[in-house]
Amino acid sequence: MKKSLIEKLCCPFDKTDLALQIVTQDINNDVVVEGVLTCDHCRRYYPIIYGIPIMNPDEYREKHLELPILDRWKEKLVLNTDDGFTLLEPMKKDSNTTSGASGLLEN
């Protein structure tokens, strides 16, 4: 997923902007290979796997397929995988977090 795409995406549930946390990106730093999009309003998360954001409604997501990948990322992310598809607490803002509103890296 190209980083510039974050400016065009919104939460499918409440239509608010999404925040991007990058786990892995390509060499040129313009494509996100692995990461998570999060909605601060409804507290849902949407993983990016192999460059594809998984933004299906909760009832169509297969948690057992996402868990192994989320476990690999657990050191970088704070997610509550026991309670549906919602965040345990707000994500940490660091140099790899991008806001959908500005599309710029926050420090």
Protein backbone atom coordinates (compact mmCIF):
# COMPACT_ATOMS: atom_id res chain seq x y z
CA MET A 1 0.00 0.00 0.00
CA LYS A 2 1.45 3.37 -0.95
CA LYS A 3 1.73 5.80 1.94
CA SER A 4 -0.16 8.41 -0.08
CA LEU A 5 -3.24 6.13 -0.05
CA ILE A 6 -3.79 6.88 3.66
CA GLU A 7 -5.11 10.32 2.67
CA LYS A 8 -7.92 8.65 0.70
CA LEU A 9 -8.92 5.95 3.18
CA CYS A 10 -11.37 6.31 6.04
CA CYS A 11 -12.85 3.97 8.61
CA PRO A 12 -15.57 1.88 6.93
CA PHE A 13 -17.71 2.10 10.09
CA ASP A 14 -17.72 5.77 11.04
CA LYS A 15 -15.94 7.44 8.09
CA THR A 16 -13.29 9.16 10.23
CA ASP A 17 -9.61 9.46 9.29
CA LEU A 18 -7.31 6.55 9.98
CA ALA A 19 -3.84 6.59 11.55
CA LEU A 20 -1.08 4.46 10.05
CA GLN A 21 1.56 2.60 12.01
CA ILE A 22 4.21 1.03 9.82
CA VAL A 23 5.80 -2.28 10.78
CA THR A 24 7.65 -3.01 7.51
CA GLN A 25 8.13 -0.89 4.39
CA ASP A 26 10.00 -1.32 1.12
CA ILE A 27 13.53 -0.06 0.50
CA ASN A 28 12.34 3.22 -1.03
CA ASN A 29 10.11 3.92 2.02
CA ASP A 30 7.09 4.74 -0.14
CA VAL A 31 5.20 1.42 0.12
CA VAL A 32 3.92 -0.09 3.38
CA VAL A 33 4.35 -3.87 3.33
CA GLU A 34 3.12 -4.54 6.87
CA GLY A 35 1.37 -2.22 9.28
CA VAL A 36 -1.88 -1.29 10.93
CA LEU A 37 -4.51 1.34 10.19
CA THR A 38 -6.41 2.45 13.28
CA CYS A 39 -9.52 4.50 13.90
CA ASP A 40 -9.34 6.69 16.99
CA HIS A 41 -13.13 7.14 17.05
CA CYS A 42 -14.45 3.56 17.02
CA ARG A 43 -11.11 2.05 18.18
CA ARG A 44 -10.96 -0.58 15.40
CA TYR A 45 -7.77 -1.70 13.74
CA TYR A 46 -7.17 -2.89 10.21
CA PRO A 47 -3.94 -4.79 9.48
CA ILE A 48 -1.94 -4.26 6.31
CA ILE A 49 -0.62 -7.63 5.14
CA TYR A 50 1.62 -7.97 2.08
CA GLY A 51 0.74 -4.39 1.20
CA ILE A 52 -3.03 -4.98 1.30
CA PRO A 53 -5.17 -3.24 3.97
CA ILE A 54 -7.73 -5.68 5.41
CA MET A 55 -10.77 -3.43 5.91
CA ASN A 56 -13.62 -5.93 5.88
CA PRO A 57 -16.52 -5.59 8.34
CA ASP A 58 -15.92 -7.47 11.60
CA GLU A 59 -18.29 -10.30 10.72
CA TYR A 60 -16.29 -11.09 7.55
CA ARG A 61 -12.83 -10.97 9.14
CA GLU A 62 -11.19 -14.19 10.21
CA LYS A 63 -9.47 -13.48 13.48
CA HIS A 64 -7.61 -16.81 13.52
CA LEU A 65 -5.86 -15.82 10.28
CA GLU A 66 -4.84 -12.40 11.61
CA LEU A 67 -3.59 -13.55 15.04
CA PRO A 68 -0.26 -15.12 13.92
CA ILE A 69 0.69 -11.93 12.11
CA LEU A 70 -0.43 -9.68 14.97
CA ASP A 71 1.61 -11.82 17.39
CA ARG A 72 4.71 -11.12 15.28
CA TRP A 73 4.01 -7.39 15.58
CA LYS A 74 3.11 -7.37 19.29
CA GLU A 75 6.34 -5.64 20.30
CA LYS A 76 5.53 -2.67 18.06
CA LEU A 77 1.74 -2.52 18.50
CA VAL A 78 -0.71 -2.35 21.40
CA LEU A 79 -3.75 -4.32 20.28
CA ASN A 80 -6.41 -6.23 22.17
CA THR A 81 -6.90 -9.36 20.09
CA ASP A 82 -9.15 -10.94 22.75
CA ASP A 83 -11.94 -8.39 22.41
CA GLY A 84 -12.94 -8.42 18.74
CA PHE A 85 -11.12 -6.04 16.46
CA THR A 86 -10.64 -3.09 18.80
CA LEU A 87 -7.58 -1.46 20.34
CA LEU A 88 -6.59 -2.08 23.93
CA GLU A 89 -5.26 1.46 24.32
CA PRO A 90 -4.30 4.29 21.96
CA MET A 91 -1.34 3.53 19.75
CA LYS A 92 2.00 5.03 20.64
CA LYS A 93 2.88 8.01 18.48
CA ASP A 94 6.38 7.62 17.07
CA SER A 95 8.32 8.36 13.93
CA ASN A 96 6.52 5.54 12.07
CA THR A 97 2.99 6.79 12.75
CA THR A 98 1.17 8.76 10.08
CA SER A 99 -2.08 10.65 10.39
CA GLY A 100 -4.63 10.31 7.63
CA ALA A 101 -5.52 13.97 7.81
CA SER A 102 -2.08 15.34 7.08
CA GLY A 103 -0.33 12.39 5.46
CA LEU A 104 2.91 13.55 7.10
CA LEU A 105 5.08 11.69 9.54
CA GLU A 106 4.67 12.89 13.10
CA ASN A 107 7.67 13.13 15.42
